[in-house]
Structure formats: structure tokens, C-alpha cells
Amino acid sequence: MPKRIFAATVFVTLLALALTSSNVAAAPIVQHVHITSNDTFQADPCGIDGTIVEHDMIELQAYADGTLRFEIHSVQVFTSEATGKSVESFSSQQQTNVSPPIVNGDGTTTLLFMFRGLEQKLKAPDGPTLVRDAGPITFALTFDANGSLISQLIVGQKGPHPLADSDFALFCDVLVPAVS
């Protein structure tokens, strides 16, 4: 449930798109994808067994200059199997790659992504906000040759980002008491 940035499969797709994009003076859109999904699945965030009900909308625009822009709206509700208590995770953000992919000399590739908007807000259903990350934040994401995420670093931020500042450990510090 903690969104460690984005699903690895999406980044592999984006990496492929970015690496195959051509550089041109004008930056017309070369690909536009709209995805919506609704899913329910078993999960155990922070070691707590339960169910996640997820509703996502992702809009992707790939430009000829290699720029990728996402708009993401996501609502996830995690319900503890043991207590029946829930926590809602909400995200409404725009993501843009800051530069073309950086091909490192060791076989890895690094992508710089800036997030704007509400990266993540956790709250009790019909209750108060428990924690939220909002405002611009830029991550350097490094992938191995197989497309697996091997590291993520914050390289710039403005706004409150307690989840990111804690390397997302605060997520469990908030979730566990809320559903216990």
C-alpha cells in the first residue's frame, strides 16, 4: 500500500518509451494513454493482513523530446482483517521526468521524476488526516539492466513530505495504530 513512487512495471514501460523517443525542436505528443482500474486484493502492509480496494486513473503523455507527463488520481482503502478498521490513501498528482534517462556506466539507468500535487494522504474514512505529503518533490530512480528499481533518492523538495522524509517508515507508524 505505501506507494514507493510507482509500480515497477510502469517504470519499465516508461523507460522503454523514453529511451526510444527522438529529440526534436518542437515537442509534439507521440503517445497518449489513459488507464483506469478498479481492483480488490489481499495485502499485508506493515505486516497487517487485510484487503485493499483500489481505484486508479492514470493519464500518460509522451513527447517527442523524451518528456513524459503523468496525471495520477488514486484512492486505496485498506481494511484490517483482524479489526475491520480502515485507512484511506489518496493521491492526486502530476509527474514529469526532469531530464532524459541517464545511462550510467555500470549498466544501470537513472530517471529523475518531479511530483507535483498531493503525493499521498492517509486518513481515517470519514475522519481526520493522519499524514500527508504534498508539494513538489523530485526523486532519482535507478533501475538495473532488467528494469528493476534498485534505489530511490530525494534530490529536491518543497512542502511537507513527512512520509518521504522518513523513507516511508512513517507510513507504518501511522497505519498500524489506525487499524489496530
N, C-alpha and C. Protein backbone atom coordinates (compact mmCIF):
# COMPACT_ATOMS: atom_id res chain seq x y z
N MET A 1 0.80 -1.20 0.00
CA MET A 1 0.00 0.00 0.00
C MET A 1 0.84 1.27 0.00
N PRO A 2 2.01 1.33 0.67
CA PRO A 2 2.76 2.58 0.54
C PRO A 2 3.28 2.68 -0.88
N LYS A 3 2.92 3.76 -1.53
CA LYS A 3 3.35 3.94 -2.91
C LYS A 3 4.78 4.40 -2.91
N ARG A 4 5.68 3.50 -3.17
CA ARG A 4 7.12 3.80 -3.12
C ARG A 4 7.50 4.60 -4.34
N ILE A 5 6.66 5.05 -5.07
CA ILE A 5 6.73 6.00 -6.16
C ILE A 5 5.71 5.56 -7.20
N PHE A 6 5.93 4.40 -7.75
CA PHE A 6 5.02 3.94 -8.78
C PHE A 6 5.30 2.46 -9.00
N ALA A 7 4.41 1.77 -9.63
CA ALA A 7 4.63 0.34 -9.89
C ALA A 7 5.83 0.15 -10.82
N ALA A 8 6.66 -0.82 -10.51
CA ALA A 8 7.88 -1.05 -11.29
C ALA A 8 7.57 -1.34 -12.76
N THR A 9 6.46 -2.01 -13.02
CA THR A 9 6.14 -2.33 -14.41
C THR A 9 5.85 -1.08 -15.22
N VAL A 10 5.25 -0.07 -14.60
CA VAL A 10 5.01 1.17 -15.31
C VAL A 10 6.33 1.84 -15.65
N PHE A 11 7.27 1.84 -14.71
CA PHE A 11 8.56 2.48 -14.97
C PHE A 11 9.34 1.77 -16.07
N VAL A 12 9.22 0.46 -16.14
CA VAL A 12 9.91 -0.25 -17.21
C VAL A 12 9.33 0.19 -18.55
N THR A 13 8.02 0.32 -18.62
CA THR A 13 7.37 0.80 -19.84
C THR A 13 7.83 2.21 -20.16
N LEU A 14 7.86 3.07 -19.15
CA LEU A 14 8.28 4.45 -19.36
C LEU A 14 9.73 4.53 -19.79
N LEU A 15 10.56 3.71 -19.19
CA LEU A 15 11.97 3.69 -19.56
C LEU A 15 12.11 3.34 -21.03
N ALA A 16 11.37 2.34 -21.46
CA ALA A 16 11.42 1.95 -22.87
C ALA A 16 10.94 3.09 -23.76
N LEU A 17 9.86 3.76 -23.37
CA LEU A 17 9.37 4.89 -24.15
C LEU A 17 10.40 6.00 -24.21
N ALA A 18 10.98 6.33 -23.08
CA ALA A 18 11.95 7.43 -23.01
C ALA A 18 13.20 7.13 -23.82
N LEU A 19 13.67 5.90 -23.77
CA LEU A 19 14.89 5.55 -24.48
C LEU A 19 14.69 5.50 -25.98
N THR A 20 13.44 5.30 -26.43
CA THR A 20 13.21 5.22 -27.87
C THR A 20 12.70 6.52 -28.45
N SER A 21 12.45 7.53 -27.61
CA SER A 21 11.96 8.81 -28.12
C SER A 21 13.07 9.55 -28.85
N SER A 22 12.68 10.26 -29.89
CA SER A 22 13.67 11.05 -30.62
C SER A 22 13.65 12.49 -30.11
N ASN A 23 14.77 13.18 -30.26
CA ASN A 23 14.85 14.59 -29.88
C ASN A 23 14.52 15.45 -31.09
N VAL A 24 13.56 16.33 -30.94
CA VAL A 24 13.22 17.29 -31.98
C VAL A 24 12.99 18.64 -31.31
N ALA A 25 13.06 19.71 -32.10
CA ALA A 25 12.93 21.06 -31.55
C ALA A 25 11.56 21.25 -30.90
N ALA A 26 10.50 20.98 -31.62
CA ALA A 26 9.17 21.06 -31.05
C ALA A 26 8.90 19.74 -30.35
N ALA A 27 8.04 19.76 -29.37
CA ALA A 27 7.80 18.55 -28.61
C ALA A 27 6.35 18.11 -28.74
N PRO A 28 5.96 17.59 -29.91
CA PRO A 28 4.59 17.10 -30.04
C PRO A 28 4.40 15.82 -29.22
N ILE A 29 3.17 15.58 -28.88
CA ILE A 29 2.84 14.34 -28.17
C ILE A 29 2.94 13.19 -29.16
N VAL A 30 3.72 12.17 -28.79
CA VAL A 30 3.87 11.00 -29.65
C VAL A 30 3.07 9.80 -29.13
N GLN A 31 2.66 9.87 -27.87
CA GLN A 31 1.83 8.80 -27.32
C GLN A 31 0.98 9.37 -26.20
N HIS A 32 -0.29 8.96 -26.19
CA HIS A 32 -1.22 9.37 -25.15
C HIS A 32 -1.98 8.13 -24.69
N VAL A 33 -1.88 7.83 -23.41
CA VAL A 33 -2.52 6.63 -22.86
C VAL A 33 -3.38 7.04 -21.67
N HIS A 34 -4.58 6.52 -21.61
CA HIS A 34 -5.48 6.74 -20.48
C HIS A 34 -5.83 5.37 -19.90
N ILE A 35 -5.56 5.20 -18.61
CA ILE A 35 -5.81 3.91 -17.96
C ILE A 35 -6.67 4.15 -16.73
N THR A 36 -7.70 3.38 -16.57
CA THR A 36 -8.45 3.36 -15.31
C THR A 36 -8.48 1.92 -14.83
N SER A 37 -8.44 1.77 -13.53
CA SER A 37 -8.51 0.41 -12.98
C SER A 37 -9.22 0.44 -11.64
N ASN A 38 -9.90 -0.62 -11.38
CA ASN A 38 -10.57 -0.86 -10.11
C ASN A 38 -10.20 -2.28 -9.71
N ASP A 39 -9.69 -2.43 -8.51
CA ASP A 39 -9.20 -3.75 -8.12
C ASP A 39 -9.40 -3.95 -6.62
N THR A 40 -9.56 -5.17 -6.23
CA THR A 40 -9.61 -5.56 -4.82
C THR A 40 -8.66 -6.74 -4.66
N PHE A 41 -7.79 -6.65 -3.64
CA PHE A 41 -6.81 -7.71 -3.46
C PHE A 41 -6.37 -7.80 -2.00
N GLN A 42 -5.86 -8.97 -1.64
CA GLN A 42 -5.31 -9.20 -0.30
C GLN A 42 -3.93 -8.56 -0.23
N ALA A 43 -3.62 -8.00 0.93
CA ALA A 43 -2.31 -7.37 1.13
C ALA A 43 -1.96 -7.43 2.60
N ASP A 44 -0.69 -7.18 2.90
CA ASP A 44 -0.25 -7.17 4.30
C ASP A 44 0.72 -6.01 4.55
N PRO A 45 0.27 -4.77 4.31
CA PRO A 45 1.18 -3.64 4.58
C PRO A 45 1.53 -3.62 6.06
N CYS A 46 2.78 -3.39 6.33
CA CYS A 46 3.28 -3.30 7.71
C CYS A 46 3.00 -4.56 8.51
N GLY A 47 2.84 -5.70 7.82
CA GLY A 47 2.61 -6.97 8.49
C GLY A 47 1.18 -7.19 8.96
N ILE A 48 0.25 -6.35 8.51
CA ILE A 48 -1.16 -6.48 8.91
C ILE A 48 -1.93 -7.07 7.74
N ASP A 49 -2.55 -8.24 7.95
CA ASP A 49 -3.33 -8.87 6.89
C ASP A 49 -4.62 -8.09 6.68
N GLY A 50 -4.99 -7.95 5.41
CA GLY A 50 -6.22 -7.25 5.09
C GLY A 50 -6.49 -7.21 3.61
N THR A 51 -7.40 -6.31 3.25
CA THR A 51 -7.84 -6.17 1.87
C THR A 51 -7.68 -4.72 1.44
N ILE A 52 -7.24 -4.54 0.20
CA ILE A 52 -7.17 -3.20 -0.39
C ILE A 52 -8.18 -3.13 -1.53
N VAL A 53 -8.98 -2.09 -1.51
CA VAL A 53 -9.87 -1.75 -2.62
C VAL A 53 -9.26 -0.51 -3.25
N GLU A 54 -8.96 -0.61 -4.55
CA GLU A 54 -8.18 0.43 -5.22
C GLU A 54 -8.91 0.93 -6.46
N HIS A 55 -8.91 2.26 -6.64
CA HIS A 55 -9.48 2.91 -7.83
C HIS A 55 -8.42 3.87 -8.35
N ASP A 56 -7.96 3.66 -9.60
CA ASP A 56 -6.90 4.48 -10.16
C ASP A 56 -7.29 5.03 -11.52
N MET A 57 -6.78 6.23 -11.81
CA MET A 57 -6.86 6.82 -13.13
C MET A 57 -5.47 7.36 -13.43
N ILE A 58 -4.89 6.93 -14.55
CA ILE A 58 -3.56 7.39 -14.96
C ILE A 58 -3.67 7.89 -16.39
N GLU A 59 -3.18 9.08 -16.59
CA GLU A 59 -3.11 9.70 -17.92
C GLU A 59 -1.62 9.88 -18.23
N LEU A 60 -1.15 9.33 -19.33
CA LEU A 60 0.26 9.43 -19.72
C LEU A 60 0.35 10.14 -21.06
N GLN A 61 1.26 11.11 -21.13
CA GLN A 61 1.58 11.75 -22.40
C GLN A 61 3.09 11.66 -22.58
N ALA A 62 3.51 11.09 -23.70
CA ALA A 62 4.93 11.01 -24.05
C ALA A 62 5.17 11.97 -25.20
N TYR A 63 6.19 12.81 -25.04
CA TYR A 63 6.50 13.83 -26.03
C TYR A 63 7.71 13.41 -26.85
N ALA A 64 7.84 13.95 -28.05
CA ALA A 64 8.92 13.59 -28.95
C ALA A 64 10.30 13.91 -28.39
N ASP A 65 10.38 14.85 -27.46
CA ASP A 65 11.69 15.19 -26.88
C ASP A 65 12.07 14.29 -25.71
N GLY A 66 11.27 13.27 -25.44
CA GLY A 66 11.56 12.33 -24.35
C GLY A 66 10.87 12.67 -23.05
N THR A 67 10.19 13.81 -22.98
CA THR A 67 9.48 14.19 -21.76
C THR A 67 8.27 13.29 -21.58
N LEU A 68 8.06 12.84 -20.36
CA LEU A 68 6.89 12.04 -20.01
C LEU A 68 6.12 12.81 -18.95
N ARG A 69 4.82 12.87 -19.10
CA ARG A 69 3.97 13.56 -18.13
C ARG A 69 2.84 12.61 -17.75
N PHE A 70 2.67 12.44 -16.44
CA PHE A 70 1.59 11.61 -15.91
C PHE A 70 0.66 12.46 -15.09
N GLU A 71 -0.59 12.13 -15.12
CA GLU A 71 -1.55 12.64 -14.15
C GLU A 71 -2.12 11.41 -13.48
N ILE A 72 -2.06 11.39 -12.16
CA ILE A 72 -2.48 10.20 -11.42
C ILE A 72 -3.47 10.60 -10.34
N HIS A 73 -4.57 9.89 -10.31
CA HIS A 73 -5.55 10.03 -9.23
C HIS A 73 -5.79 8.63 -8.70
N SER A 74 -5.56 8.42 -7.42
CA SER A 74 -5.65 7.08 -6.86
C SER A 74 -6.29 7.13 -5.48
N VAL A 75 -7.21 6.22 -5.24
CA VAL A 75 -7.80 6.04 -3.92
C VAL A 75 -7.66 4.56 -3.58
N GLN A 76 -7.04 4.29 -2.42
CA GLN A 76 -6.93 2.93 -1.91
C GLN A 76 -7.49 2.92 -0.49
N VAL A 77 -8.32 1.94 -0.21
CA VAL A 77 -8.81 1.75 1.15
C VAL A 77 -8.32 0.40 1.64
N PHE A 78 -7.50 0.45 2.70
CA PHE A 78 -7.00 -0.78 3.32
C PHE A 78 -7.86 -1.07 4.54
N THR A 79 -8.37 -2.30 4.63
CA THR A 79 -9.17 -2.73 5.78
C THR A 79 -8.48 -3.92 6.44
N SER A 80 -8.21 -3.77 7.74
CA SER A 80 -7.57 -4.83 8.51
C SER A 80 -8.51 -6.01 8.64
N GLU A 81 -7.99 -7.20 8.39
CA GLU A 81 -8.77 -8.42 8.54
C GLU A 81 -9.13 -8.66 10.00
N ALA A 82 -8.22 -8.34 10.91
CA ALA A 82 -8.41 -8.62 12.34
C ALA A 82 -9.41 -7.68 13.00
N THR A 83 -9.37 -6.39 12.64
CA THR A 83 -10.21 -5.41 13.35
C THR A 83 -11.36 -4.84 12.54
N GLY A 84 -11.27 -4.95 11.22
CA GLY A 84 -12.28 -4.34 10.36
C GLY A 84 -12.10 -2.84 10.20
N LYS A 85 -11.07 -2.27 10.83
CA LYS A 85 -10.81 -0.83 10.71
C LYS A 85 -10.08 -0.55 9.39
N SER A 86 -10.29 0.66 8.87
CA SER A 86 -9.75 1.02 7.56
C SER A 86 -8.94 2.31 7.61
N VAL A 87 -8.06 2.44 6.62
CA VAL A 87 -7.34 3.69 6.36
C VAL A 87 -7.42 3.92 4.86
N GLU A 88 -7.70 5.17 4.49
CA GLU A 88 -7.78 5.56 3.08
C GLU A 88 -6.49 6.25 2.67
N SER A 89 -5.96 5.87 1.53
CA SER A 89 -4.81 6.53 0.94
C SER A 89 -5.29 7.21 -0.33
N PHE A 90 -5.03 8.52 -0.43
CA PHE A 90 -5.47 9.30 -1.57
C PHE A 90 -4.28 9.99 -2.21
N SER A 91 -4.25 10.01 -3.53
CA SER A 91 -3.17 10.66 -4.27
C SER A 91 -3.78 11.36 -5.48
N SER A 92 -3.38 12.60 -5.71
CA SER A 92 -3.78 13.35 -6.89
C SER A 92 -2.59 14.19 -7.29
N GLN A 93 -1.88 13.76 -8.31
CA GLN A 93 -0.60 14.38 -8.62
C GLN A 93 -0.29 14.35 -10.10
N GLN A 94 0.70 15.15 -10.44
CA GLN A 94 1.26 15.16 -11.77
C GLN A 94 2.73 14.78 -11.63
N GLN A 95 3.22 13.92 -12.51
CA GLN A 95 4.63 13.52 -12.52
C GLN A 95 5.21 13.87 -13.88
N THR A 96 6.43 14.37 -13.87
CA THR A 96 7.12 14.71 -15.11
C THR A 96 8.57 14.31 -14.96
N ASN A 97 9.14 13.70 -16.02
CA ASN A 97 10.57 13.42 -15.95
C ASN A 97 11.31 14.74 -16.13
N VAL A 98 12.36 14.95 -15.34
CA VAL A 98 13.07 16.21 -15.30
C VAL A 98 14.13 16.28 -16.40
N SER A 99 14.66 15.15 -16.82
CA SER A 99 15.69 15.11 -17.85
C SER A 99 15.56 13.79 -18.60
N PRO A 100 16.26 13.66 -19.72
CA PRO A 100 16.27 12.35 -20.38
C PRO A 100 16.88 11.30 -19.46
N PRO A 101 16.60 10.03 -19.69
CA PRO A 101 17.20 8.99 -18.86
C PRO A 101 18.72 9.11 -18.86
N ILE A 102 19.31 8.86 -17.72
CA ILE A 102 20.77 8.91 -17.57
C ILE A 102 21.27 7.48 -17.59
N VAL A 103 22.03 7.13 -18.63
CA VAL A 103 22.58 5.79 -18.73
C VAL A 103 23.91 5.81 -17.99
N ASN A 104 23.96 5.11 -16.87
CA ASN A 104 25.15 5.08 -16.03
C ASN A 104 26.16 4.08 -16.59
N GLY A 105 27.40 4.22 -16.26
CA GLY A 105 28.45 3.36 -16.79
C GLY A 105 28.43 1.95 -16.25
N ASP A 106 27.62 1.69 -15.23
CA ASP A 106 27.62 0.36 -14.60
C ASP A 106 26.45 -0.52 -15.05
N GLY A 107 25.77 -0.14 -16.13
CA GLY A 107 24.65 -0.93 -16.63
C GLY A 107 23.31 -0.52 -16.05
N THR A 108 23.30 0.49 -15.19
CA THR A 108 22.04 0.98 -14.63
C THR A 108 21.59 2.23 -15.36
N THR A 109 20.34 2.58 -15.18
CA THR A 109 19.77 3.79 -15.76
C THR A 109 19.05 4.55 -14.66
N THR A 110 19.21 5.88 -14.65
CA THR A 110 18.57 6.72 -13.65
C THR A 110 17.58 7.65 -14.32
N LEU A 111 16.39 7.72 -13.75
CA LEU A 111 15.35 8.64 -14.19
C LEU A 111 15.10 9.65 -13.07
N LEU A 112 14.97 10.91 -13.43
CA LEU A 112 14.61 11.96 -12.48
C LEU A 112 13.16 12.32 -12.71
N PHE A 113 12.33 12.17 -11.68
CA PHE A 113 10.90 12.47 -11.78
C PHE A 113 10.51 13.49 -10.73
N MET A 114 9.79 14.53 -11.17
CA MET A 114 9.23 15.52 -10.25
C MET A 114 7.75 15.22 -10.07
N PHE A 115 7.34 15.21 -8.81
CA PHE A 115 5.94 15.03 -8.45
C PHE A 115 5.41 16.38 -7.99
N ARG A 116 4.22 16.74 -8.46
CA ARG A 116 3.55 17.96 -8.01
C ARG A 116 2.15 17.59 -7.58
N GLY A 117 1.69 18.24 -6.53
CA GLY A 117 0.34 17.98 -6.06
C GLY A 117 0.36 17.22 -4.76
N LEU A 118 -0.64 16.40 -4.58
CA LEU A 118 -0.78 15.61 -3.36
C LEU A 118 -0.23 14.21 -3.63
N GLU A 119 1.00 13.97 -3.15
CA GLU A 119 1.63 12.68 -3.41
C GLU A 119 0.90 11.56 -2.67
N GLN A 120 0.61 11.77 -1.40
CA GLN A 120 -0.15 10.77 -0.65
C GLN A 120 -0.71 11.39 0.61
N LYS A 121 -1.96 11.06 0.88
CA LYS A 121 -2.62 11.47 2.12
C LYS A 121 -3.27 10.23 2.71
N LEU A 122 -2.96 9.97 3.98
CA LEU A 122 -3.60 8.87 4.70
C LEU A 122 -4.61 9.47 5.66
N LYS A 123 -5.79 8.88 5.69
CA LYS A 123 -6.81 9.37 6.61
C LYS A 123 -7.73 8.24 7.00
N ALA A 124 -8.38 8.45 8.13
CA ALA A 124 -9.42 7.51 8.54
C ALA A 124 -10.65 7.81 7.69
N PRO A 125 -11.37 6.79 7.21
CA PRO A 125 -12.58 7.06 6.44
C PRO A 125 -13.53 7.95 7.25
N ASP A 126 -14.01 8.99 6.65
CA ASP A 126 -14.88 9.97 7.33
C ASP A 126 -14.23 10.53 8.58
N GLY A 127 -12.89 10.59 8.58
CA GLY A 127 -12.18 11.07 9.75
C GLY A 127 -11.06 12.01 9.38
N PRO A 128 -10.19 12.27 10.35
CA PRO A 128 -9.13 13.25 10.14
C PRO A 128 -7.98 12.71 9.28
N THR A 129 -7.22 13.64 8.73
CA THR A 129 -5.99 13.30 8.03
C THR A 129 -4.97 12.82 9.05
N LEU A 130 -4.32 11.71 8.76
CA LEU A 130 -3.31 11.14 9.65
C LEU A 130 -1.92 11.63 9.28
N VAL A 131 -1.65 11.75 7.97
CA VAL A 131 -0.37 12.27 7.47
C VAL A 131 -0.56 12.55 5.98
N ARG A 132 0.20 13.55 5.49
CA ARG A 132 0.13 13.82 4.05
C ARG A 132 1.46 14.35 3.54
N ASP A 133 1.78 13.98 2.32
CA ASP A 133 2.91 14.50 1.57
C ASP A 133 2.34 15.33 0.42
N ALA A 134 2.72 16.60 0.34
CA ALA A 134 2.19 17.47 -0.71
C ALA A 134 3.24 18.47 -1.14
N GLY A 135 3.13 18.93 -2.37
CA GLY A 135 4.06 19.90 -2.91
C GLY A 135 5.09 19.22 -3.79
N PRO A 136 5.89 20.03 -4.49
CA PRO A 136 6.88 19.45 -5.40
C PRO A 136 7.93 18.63 -4.67
N ILE A 137 8.26 17.49 -5.26
CA ILE A 137 9.36 16.66 -4.76
C ILE A 137 9.94 15.92 -5.97
N THR A 138 11.26 15.84 -6.03
CA THR A 138 11.93 15.18 -7.15
C THR A 138 12.70 13.98 -6.64
N PHE A 139 12.52 12.86 -7.33
CA PHE A 139 13.20 11.61 -6.99
C PHE A 139 14.13 11.20 -8.12
N ALA A 140 15.27 10.65 -7.77
CA ALA A 140 16.15 9.98 -8.71
C ALA A 140 15.92 8.48 -8.53
N LEU A 141 15.41 7.84 -9.56
CA LEU A 141 15.10 6.42 -9.53
C LEU A 141 16.12 5.69 -10.39
N THR A 142 16.82 4.73 -9.82
CA THR A 142 17.83 3.98 -10.56
C THR A 142 17.35 2.54 -10.74
N PHE A 143 17.44 2.08 -12.00
CA PHE A 143 16.99 0.74 -12.38
C PHE A 143 18.18 -0.07 -12.87
N ASP A 144 18.13 -1.38 -12.59
CA ASP A 144 19.18 -2.25 -13.13
C ASP A 144 18.87 -2.57 -14.60
N ALA A 145 19.71 -3.36 -15.22
CA ALA A 145 19.55 -3.67 -16.64
C ALA A 145 18.25 -4.43 -16.93
N ASN A 146 17.67 -5.08 -15.91
CA ASN A 146 16.42 -5.81 -16.08
C ASN A 146 15.19 -4.95 -15.84
N GLY A 147 15.41 -3.68 -15.49
CA GLY A 147 14.29 -2.78 -15.25
C GLY A 147 13.78 -2.79 -13.82
N SER A 148 14.49 -3.46 -12.92
CA SER A 148 14.09 -3.50 -11.51
C SER A 148 14.61 -2.26 -10.78
N LEU A 149 13.76 -1.66 -9.99
CA LEU A 149 14.15 -0.49 -9.20
C LEU A 149 15.15 -0.92 -8.15
N ILE A 150 16.34 -0.27 -8.15
CA ILE A 150 17.37 -0.63 -7.16
C ILE A 150 17.63 0.48 -6.16
N SER A 151 17.26 1.72 -6.48
CA SER A 151 17.38 2.78 -5.48
C SER A 151 16.50 3.96 -5.84
N GLN A 152 16.15 4.71 -4.81
CA GLN A 152 15.39 5.93 -4.99
C GLN A 152 15.92 6.94 -4.00
N LEU A 153 16.20 8.13 -4.49
CA LEU A 153 16.72 9.20 -3.65
C LEU A 153 15.91 10.46 -3.87
N ILE A 154 15.68 11.22 -2.82
CA ILE A 154 15.06 12.53 -2.95
C ILE A 154 16.18 13.50 -3.32
N VAL A 155 16.00 14.23 -4.42
CA VAL A 155 17.03 15.17 -4.85
C VAL A 155 16.54 16.62 -4.82
N GLY A 156 15.32 16.85 -4.38
CA GLY A 156 14.78 18.20 -4.22
C GLY A 156 13.35 18.13 -3.73
N GLN A 157 12.97 19.09 -2.87
CA GLN A 157 11.59 19.10 -2.39
C GLN A 157 11.21 20.44 -1.79
N LYS A 158 9.91 20.73 -1.84
CA LYS A 158 9.30 21.87 -1.17
C LYS A 158 7.96 21.37 -0.65
N GLY A 159 7.57 21.84 0.49
CA GLY A 159 6.29 21.41 1.04
C GLY A 159 6.48 20.35 2.10
N PRO A 160 5.42 20.01 2.78
CA PRO A 160 5.55 18.95 3.79
C PRO A 160 5.64 17.58 3.13
N HIS A 161 6.68 16.85 3.47
CA HIS A 161 6.86 15.49 2.95
C HIS A 161 7.32 14.56 4.07
N PRO A 162 6.52 14.43 5.14
CA PRO A 162 6.95 13.58 6.25
C PRO A 162 7.10 12.11 5.86
N LEU A 163 6.28 11.61 4.96
CA LEU A 163 6.42 10.21 4.53
C LEU A 163 7.74 10.01 3.78
N ALA A 164 7.98 10.84 2.79
CA ALA A 164 9.22 10.71 2.01
C ALA A 164 10.44 10.99 2.89
N ASP A 165 10.35 11.98 3.77
CA ASP A 165 11.49 12.31 4.63
C ASP A 165 11.87 11.15 5.55
N SER A 166 10.90 10.32 5.89
CA SER A 166 11.16 9.17 6.77
C SER A 166 11.51 7.92 5.97
N ASP A 167 11.76 8.08 4.66
CA ASP A 167 11.96 6.95 3.76
C ASP A 167 10.75 6.01 3.83
N PHE A 168 9.60 6.62 4.03
CA PHE A 168 8.30 5.96 4.06
C PHE A 168 8.08 5.06 5.27
N ALA A 169 8.98 5.11 6.27
CA ALA A 169 8.79 4.36 7.52
C ALA A 169 7.60 4.91 8.30
N LEU A 170 7.33 6.21 8.18
CA LEU A 170 6.21 6.84 8.88
C LEU A 170 4.88 6.22 8.45
N PHE A 171 4.84 5.68 7.25
CA PHE A 171 3.62 5.04 6.77
C PHE A 171 3.13 4.00 7.78
N CYS A 172 4.02 3.09 8.19
CA CYS A 172 3.64 2.05 9.15
C CYS A 172 3.37 2.64 10.54
N ASP A 173 4.12 3.69 10.90
CA ASP A 173 3.90 4.34 12.20
C ASP A 173 2.51 4.93 12.30
N VAL A 174 1.93 5.30 11.16
CA VAL A 174 0.58 5.87 11.11
C VAL A 174 -0.47 4.77 10.91
N LEU A 175 -0.19 3.84 9.99
CA LEU A 175 -1.16 2.81 9.64
C LEU A 175 -1.47 1.86 10.80
N VAL A 176 -0.43 1.37 11.45
CA VAL A 176 -0.61 0.32 12.47
C VAL A 176 -1.57 0.77 13.59
N PRO A 177 -1.36 1.93 14.25
CA PRO A 177 -2.31 2.30 15.30
C PRO A 177 -3.71 2.62 14.76
N ALA A 178 -3.79 3.10 13.51
CA ALA A 178 -5.10 3.47 12.97
C ALA A 178 -6.00 2.26 12.70
N VAL A 179 -5.40 1.10 12.40
CA VAL A 179 -6.22 -0.08 12.11
C VAL A 179 -6.16 -1.13 13.23
N SER A 180 -5.47 -0.82 14.33
CA SER A 180 -5.38 -1.78 15.44
C SER A 180 -6.55 -1.62 16.39
